Amino acid sequence: MISTTDFFIWFFNGLAGFGGWLIFFLVALISALYVFLDSNTRKLPASGWRISIVLVSMLILPVAIHHFLSITAQARIASYLEYFFYLGMVGGIVPPFMLVGYIVQYRGMVICDKGHLYPRTLEECPECIPADFAEYDSSELDETQLDLGNETDTHADGTLGVTQDNQTILSEKDFFDIQFGKVGFAGQHKSKANAFLVFSDNHSYQLNQGSTTIGRGSSNDCVIQNPFISRNHVKIMEEGRNLFRIYDLGSSNGTWLNGRKLMKATLLENDDQIRFGDEVTAVFLSSRNY
């Protein structure tokens, strides 16, 4: 029987008669306190972890109660000591593992003022910023965000180009045809991120490090000649290692992400389907590991 083993005897009578169970009790107590203090300090939604670790830690209480009973009372419940032993072992060993699970789940996570949980590396809560793009007042937008008309010109030599301040930025040879127009890249000199937009016919554009602007205007990094594309349509920001967020810049015909209209800045996931306006589509690809 287990009641005759040295460990069993040590568990109840070791440590100068106080019982080795005290070590298990302290380990469980420290684990539970850490979860409570850390989650309260960071205001994490970890009520499930708090309740679970307390309930499991309480399994060691029968052993503690047994220790403080009189010798007569201990003799009356001696037949239950093995059950107390198993409960005490679970109550002392499981909480540290629960603590590890808690730390792994909430490592690097913070809570915004509205209670949204998000990675600290993003610096701002993706659920709270920016404001709803559908509520933008066009009078408050700066000139670069307004759809001011097509900037595509036909030059004297018959070539098609995009102009800015009467200077040609891209010539016809700099564009390639997609199903719904032409696409040209004016920001090729910029440092590139390990992420791409793949258009029709498998043509791809490598996003910039930092920010990438997309629109019909020649000042954009990616120029799309399509009547449904605004002069400055969207911006894609790199916010961390392989983390990219897409912003609609108050475009006239909107931006859709996986079939849903983009109403606020949203983190992009691998293989996301993006539609600019009514016709131009692209797939977002990155090396982000999940």
Protein backbone atom coordinates (compact mmCIF):
# COMPACT_ATOMS: atom_id res chain seq x y z
CA MET A 1 0.00 0.00 0.00
CA ILE A 2 1.12 3.54 -0.70
CA SER A 3 0.59 4.43 2.95
CA THR A 4 3.71 2.43 3.79
CA THR A 5 6.03 4.23 1.35
CA ASP A 6 8.66 6.68 2.52
CA PHE A 7 7.29 9.50 0.38
CA PHE A 8 3.80 9.07 1.79
CA ILE A 9 5.17 9.22 5.32
CA TRP A 10 7.29 12.27 4.46
CA PHE A 11 4.29 13.97 2.87
CA PHE A 12 2.35 13.87 6.16
CA ASN A 13 5.14 13.85 8.77
CA GLY A 14 8.31 15.20 7.16
CA LEU A 15 9.90 18.60 7.73
CA ALA A 16 10.27 18.11 11.49
CA GLY A 17 6.75 16.75 11.81
CA PHE A 18 4.98 19.52 9.98
CA GLY A 19 4.58 17.57 6.74
CA GLY A 20 6.09 17.79 3.28
CA TRP A 21 2.68 18.86 2.00
CA LEU A 22 3.62 22.39 3.11
CA ILE A 23 6.03 22.71 0.15
CA PHE A 24 3.27 21.75 -2.28
CA PHE A 25 0.93 24.21 -0.56
CA LEU A 26 3.41 27.08 -0.89
CA VAL A 27 4.04 26.31 -4.56
CA ALA A 28 0.30 26.33 -5.28
CA LEU A 29 -0.17 29.52 -3.26
CA ILE A 30 2.62 31.36 -5.09
CA SER A 31 1.22 30.25 -8.46
CA ALA A 32 -2.28 31.45 -7.61
CA LEU A 33 -1.04 34.77 -6.21
CA TYR A 34 1.01 35.45 -9.32
CA VAL A 35 -1.99 34.89 -11.60
CA PHE A 36 -4.20 37.13 -9.43
CA LEU A 37 -1.70 39.97 -9.04
CA ASP A 38 -0.48 39.96 -12.63
CA SER A 39 -3.95 39.78 -14.19
CA ASN A 40 -5.29 42.52 -11.91
CA THR A 41 -2.30 44.79 -12.51
CA ARG A 42 -2.54 44.40 -16.28
CA LYS A 43 -6.38 44.28 -16.18
CA LEU A 44 -6.41 41.06 -18.17
CA PRO A 45 -9.65 39.13 -18.81
CA ALA A 46 -8.27 36.09 -16.99
CA SER A 47 -11.16 35.22 -14.66
CA GLY A 48 -11.14 31.65 -15.96
CA TRP A 49 -7.49 31.21 -15.03
CA ARG A 50 -8.04 32.78 -11.58
CA ILE A 51 -11.00 30.58 -10.72
CA SER A 52 -9.39 27.41 -12.05
CA ILE A 53 -6.08 27.81 -10.26
CA VAL A 54 -7.82 28.56 -6.94
CA LEU A 55 -10.11 25.54 -7.21
CA VAL A 56 -7.22 23.22 -8.03
CA SER A 57 -5.07 24.67 -5.25
CA MET A 58 -7.87 24.05 -2.74
CA LEU A 59 -7.45 20.30 -3.25
CA ILE A 60 -4.56 20.45 -0.80
CA LEU A 61 -6.77 21.83 2.00
CA PRO A 62 -7.88 18.39 3.33
CA VAL A 63 -4.22 17.61 4.05
CA ALA A 64 -3.74 20.96 5.80
CA ILE A 65 -6.90 20.48 7.86
CA HIS A 66 -5.82 16.95 8.80
CA HIS A 67 -2.51 18.28 10.13
CA PHE A 68 -4.23 20.61 12.61
CA LEU A 69 -6.77 18.07 13.88
CA SER A 70 -6.36 16.38 17.23
CA ILE A 71 -4.77 12.93 17.37
CA THR A 72 -8.20 11.42 18.07
CA ALA A 73 -9.76 13.10 15.05
CA GLN A 74 -6.85 12.09 12.85
CA ALA A 75 -7.33 8.46 13.91
CA ARG A 76 -11.00 8.57 12.90
CA ILE A 77 -10.21 9.63 9.34
CA ALA A 78 -7.03 7.59 8.93
CA SER A 79 -8.70 5.43 6.28
CA TYR A 80 -9.02 8.53 4.05
CA LEU A 81 -5.35 9.50 4.16
CA GLU A 82 -4.56 8.02 0.76
CA TYR A 83 -7.35 10.11 -0.83
CA PHE A 84 -6.00 13.20 0.94
CA PHE A 85 -2.56 12.33 -0.37
CA TYR A 86 -3.69 12.13 -4.01
CA LEU A 87 -5.73 15.31 -3.74
CA GLY A 88 -2.79 17.11 -2.15
CA MET A 89 -0.44 15.98 -4.90
CA VAL A 90 -2.81 17.28 -7.59
CA GLY A 91 -3.36 20.52 -5.68
CA GLY A 92 0.38 21.11 -5.39
CA ILE A 93 1.63 19.97 -8.81
CA VAL A 94 -1.04 21.22 -11.25
CA PRO A 95 -1.07 24.97 -10.31
CA PRO A 96 2.53 25.60 -11.46
CA PHE A 97 1.67 24.13 -14.85
CA MET A 98 -1.44 26.30 -14.98
CA LEU A 99 0.77 29.30 -14.21
CA VAL A 100 2.99 28.44 -17.17
CA GLY A 101 -0.08 28.19 -19.42
CA TYR A 102 -1.32 31.57 -18.21
CA ILE A 103 2.04 33.22 -18.85
CA VAL A 104 2.25 31.77 -22.36
CA GLN A 105 -1.27 32.91 -23.27
CA TYR A 106 -0.92 36.49 -22.04
CA ARG A 107 2.77 37.09 -22.68
CA GLY A 108 3.19 40.46 -24.37
CA MET A 109 -0.55 41.21 -24.27
CA VAL A 110 -2.11 44.43 -22.96
CA ILE A 111 -5.61 45.80 -22.50
CA CYS A 112 -6.85 49.09 -23.92
CA ASP A 113 -9.21 51.45 -22.09
CA LYS A 114 -12.19 49.75 -23.72
CA GLY A 115 -11.12 46.29 -22.57
CA HIS A 116 -9.74 44.94 -25.86
CA LEU A 117 -6.82 42.52 -25.62
CA TYR A 118 -4.03 43.04 -28.14
CA PRO A 119 -0.24 42.47 -28.52
CA ARG A 120 1.94 45.17 -26.96
CA THR A 121 4.05 45.29 -30.14
CA LEU A 122 1.16 46.95 -32.01
CA GLU A 123 1.41 49.95 -29.64
CA GLU A 124 -2.25 50.86 -30.33
CA CYS A 125 -5.42 48.81 -30.02
CA PRO A 126 -6.51 47.63 -33.50
CA GLU A 127 -10.15 47.53 -32.35
CA CYS A 128 -10.17 51.20 -31.33
CA ILE A 129 -8.19 53.05 -34.02
CA PRO A 130 -8.75 54.69 -36.32
CA ALA A 131 -12.31 56.01 -36.27
CA ASP A 132 -14.94 54.59 -38.59
CA PHE A 133 -13.90 55.59 -42.12
CA ALA A 134 -17.55 55.69 -43.18
CA GLU A 135 -18.06 58.66 -40.87
CA TYR A 136 -15.27 60.79 -42.33
CA ASP A 137 -16.35 64.30 -43.27
CA SER A 138 -14.89 64.95 -46.72
CA SER A 139 -14.38 68.59 -45.77
CA GLU A 140 -11.91 67.48 -43.09
CA LEU A 141 -9.78 65.42 -45.48
CA ASP A 142 -6.66 67.01 -46.88
CA GLU A 143 -6.32 67.56 -50.59
CA THR A 144 -4.28 64.41 -51.17
CA GLN A 145 -7.12 62.20 -49.94
CA LEU A 146 -9.77 63.54 -52.33
CA ASP A 147 -10.57 62.01 -55.69
CA LEU A 148 -9.46 64.87 -57.92
CA GLY A 149 -9.71 63.14 -61.26
CA ASN A 150 -7.63 61.01 -63.56
CA GLU A 151 -3.98 62.00 -63.82
CA THR A 152 -3.29 59.85 -66.86
CA ASP A 153 -2.10 61.87 -69.85
CA THR A 154 -1.31 61.07 -73.46
CA HIS A 155 1.98 62.66 -74.46
CA ALA A 156 2.92 64.16 -77.82
CA ASP A 157 4.71 60.99 -78.85
CA GLY A 158 1.56 58.98 -78.26
CA THR A 159 2.80 57.22 -75.13
CA LEU A 160 0.68 56.89 -72.04
CA GLY A 161 2.08 58.22 -68.76
CA VAL A 162 1.28 59.48 -65.30
CA THR A 163 2.31 63.03 -64.57
CA GLN A 164 2.93 65.07 -61.45
CA ASP A 165 3.86 68.78 -61.58
CA ASN A 166 4.14 68.42 -65.37
CA GLN A 167 6.84 65.75 -65.02
CA THR A 168 6.40 62.18 -66.18
CA ILE A 169 6.79 59.75 -63.30
CA LEU A 170 5.86 56.54 -65.08
CA SER A 171 5.79 55.84 -68.78
CA GLU A 172 3.69 53.27 -70.56
CA LYS A 173 6.44 50.68 -70.36
CA ASP A 174 6.40 50.96 -66.57
CA PHE A 175 2.83 49.61 -66.42
CA PHE A 176 1.51 46.12 -66.89
CA ASP A 177 -2.03 45.19 -67.81
CA ILE A 178 -4.33 43.51 -65.36
CA GLN A 179 -7.91 42.48 -65.98
CA PHE A 180 -9.35 45.87 -65.04
CA GLY A 181 -6.72 48.39 -66.08
CA LYS A 182 -3.00 49.06 -65.69
CA VAL A 183 -0.69 48.98 -62.70
CA GLY A 184 2.64 50.80 -62.32
CA PHE A 185 5.14 50.95 -59.49
CA ALA A 186 6.65 54.34 -58.67
CA GLY A 187 8.26 53.41 -55.34
CA GLN A 188 10.67 50.70 -56.48
CA HIS A 189 13.67 52.49 -54.97
CA LYS A 190 12.34 52.13 -51.43
CA SER A 191 13.41 49.38 -49.02
CA LYS A 192 11.10 46.41 -49.35
CA ALA A 193 9.29 44.27 -46.79
CA ASN A 194 8.78 40.55 -47.09
CA ALA A 195 5.14 40.90 -48.17
CA PHE A 196 3.40 41.13 -51.55
CA LEU A 197 0.19 42.05 -53.31
CA VAL A 198 -0.54 39.60 -56.11
CA PHE A 199 -2.80 41.03 -58.84
CA SER A 200 -4.49 39.36 -61.80
CA ASP A 201 -2.31 37.25 -64.06
CA ASN A 202 0.03 36.65 -61.08
CA HIS A 203 1.69 40.06 -61.33
CA SER A 204 2.93 40.99 -57.86
CA TYR A 205 4.02 44.12 -56.00
CA GLN A 206 6.42 43.91 -53.06
CA LEU A 207 5.31 46.18 -50.21
CA ASN A 208 7.63 48.81 -48.76
CA GLN A 209 9.12 48.79 -45.32
CA GLY A 210 7.15 51.29 -43.29
CA SER A 211 4.25 52.39 -45.48
CA THR A 212 2.92 51.65 -48.96
CA THR A 213 0.34 53.90 -50.61
CA ILE A 214 -1.95 52.71 -53.39
CA GLY A 215 -4.14 54.82 -55.66
CA ARG A 216 -4.56 56.40 -59.06
CA GLY A 217 -2.39 59.40 -58.21
CA SER A 218 1.21 59.43 -59.37
CA SER A 219 2.48 60.19 -55.85
CA ASN A 220 1.53 56.67 -54.73
CA ASP A 221 3.96 53.78 -54.47
CA CYS A 222 1.59 51.59 -56.46
CA VAL A 223 -0.33 53.43 -59.19
CA ILE A 224 -3.50 51.76 -60.45
CA GLN A 225 -5.18 53.21 -63.55
CA ASN A 226 -8.83 52.36 -63.04
CA PRO A 227 -11.85 54.70 -62.94
CA PHE A 228 -13.05 53.19 -59.66
CA ILE A 229 -9.73 53.81 -57.87
CA SER A 230 -9.42 57.08 -55.95
CA ARG A 231 -6.41 59.33 -56.28
CA ASN A 232 -5.22 58.12 -52.87
CA HIS A 233 -7.11 54.93 -52.13
CA VAL A 234 -5.42 52.92 -49.35
CA LYS A 235 -2.29 52.81 -47.23
CA ILE A 236 -0.66 49.64 -45.89
CA MET A 237 1.53 50.14 -42.81
CA GLU A 238 4.17 47.73 -41.54
CA GLU A 239 3.76 47.73 -37.74
CA GLY A 240 6.10 44.99 -36.67
CA ARG A 241 7.86 41.91 -37.92
CA ASN A 242 5.55 40.69 -40.70
CA LEU A 243 2.62 42.66 -39.25
CA PHE A 244 0.76 44.85 -41.76
CA ARG A 245 -2.35 46.99 -41.32
CA ILE A 246 -4.48 48.34 -44.15
CA TYR A 247 -6.15 51.79 -44.01
CA ASP A 248 -8.78 53.12 -46.40
CA LEU A 249 -7.97 56.79 -47.12
CA GLY A 250 -11.58 57.93 -47.55
CA SER A 251 -11.80 56.45 -51.06
CA SER A 252 -14.90 57.19 -53.13
CA ASN A 253 -15.69 53.58 -53.96
CA GLY A 254 -14.36 51.88 -50.82
CA THR A 255 -12.09 48.93 -50.09
CA TRP A 256 -13.22 45.38 -49.37
CA LEU A 257 -11.33 42.80 -47.31
CA ASN A 258 -12.43 39.19 -47.78
CA GLY A 259 -15.78 40.36 -49.08
CA ARG A 260 -16.50 42.85 -46.30
CA LYS A 261 -16.18 46.61 -46.67
CA LEU A 262 -13.20 47.99 -44.79
CA MET A 263 -14.61 50.30 -42.10
CA LYS A 264 -11.51 50.68 -39.93
CA ALA A 265 -7.81 49.91 -40.00
CA THR A 266 -7.37 46.13 -39.99
CA LEU A 267 -4.44 43.76 -39.65
CA LEU A 268 -3.82 41.75 -42.79
CA GLU A 269 -3.55 37.98 -42.69
CA ASN A 270 -1.84 35.72 -45.17
CA ASP A 271 -4.03 35.04 -48.26
CA ASP A 272 -6.42 37.91 -47.49
CA GLN A 273 -8.47 38.96 -50.54
CA ILE A 274 -8.45 42.75 -51.10
CA ARG A 275 -10.72 44.59 -53.55
CA PHE A 276 -9.98 48.22 -54.39
CA GLY A 277 -13.14 49.97 -55.55
CA ASP A 278 -15.48 47.90 -57.69
CA GLU A 279 -13.06 45.98 -59.90
CA VAL A 280 -9.38 45.70 -58.93
CA THR A 281 -8.52 42.71 -56.73
CA ALA A 282 -5.31 41.44 -55.14
CA VAL A 283 -4.17 38.80 -52.66
CA PHE A 284 -1.96 39.70 -49.69
CA LEU A 285 0.91 37.30 -49.08
CA SER A 286 3.59 37.46 -46.39
CA SER A 287 6.08 35.21 -44.63
CA ARG A 288 4.30 35.60 -41.30
CA ASN A 289 4.25 32.34 -39.36
CA TYR A 290 1.07 31.30 -37.52
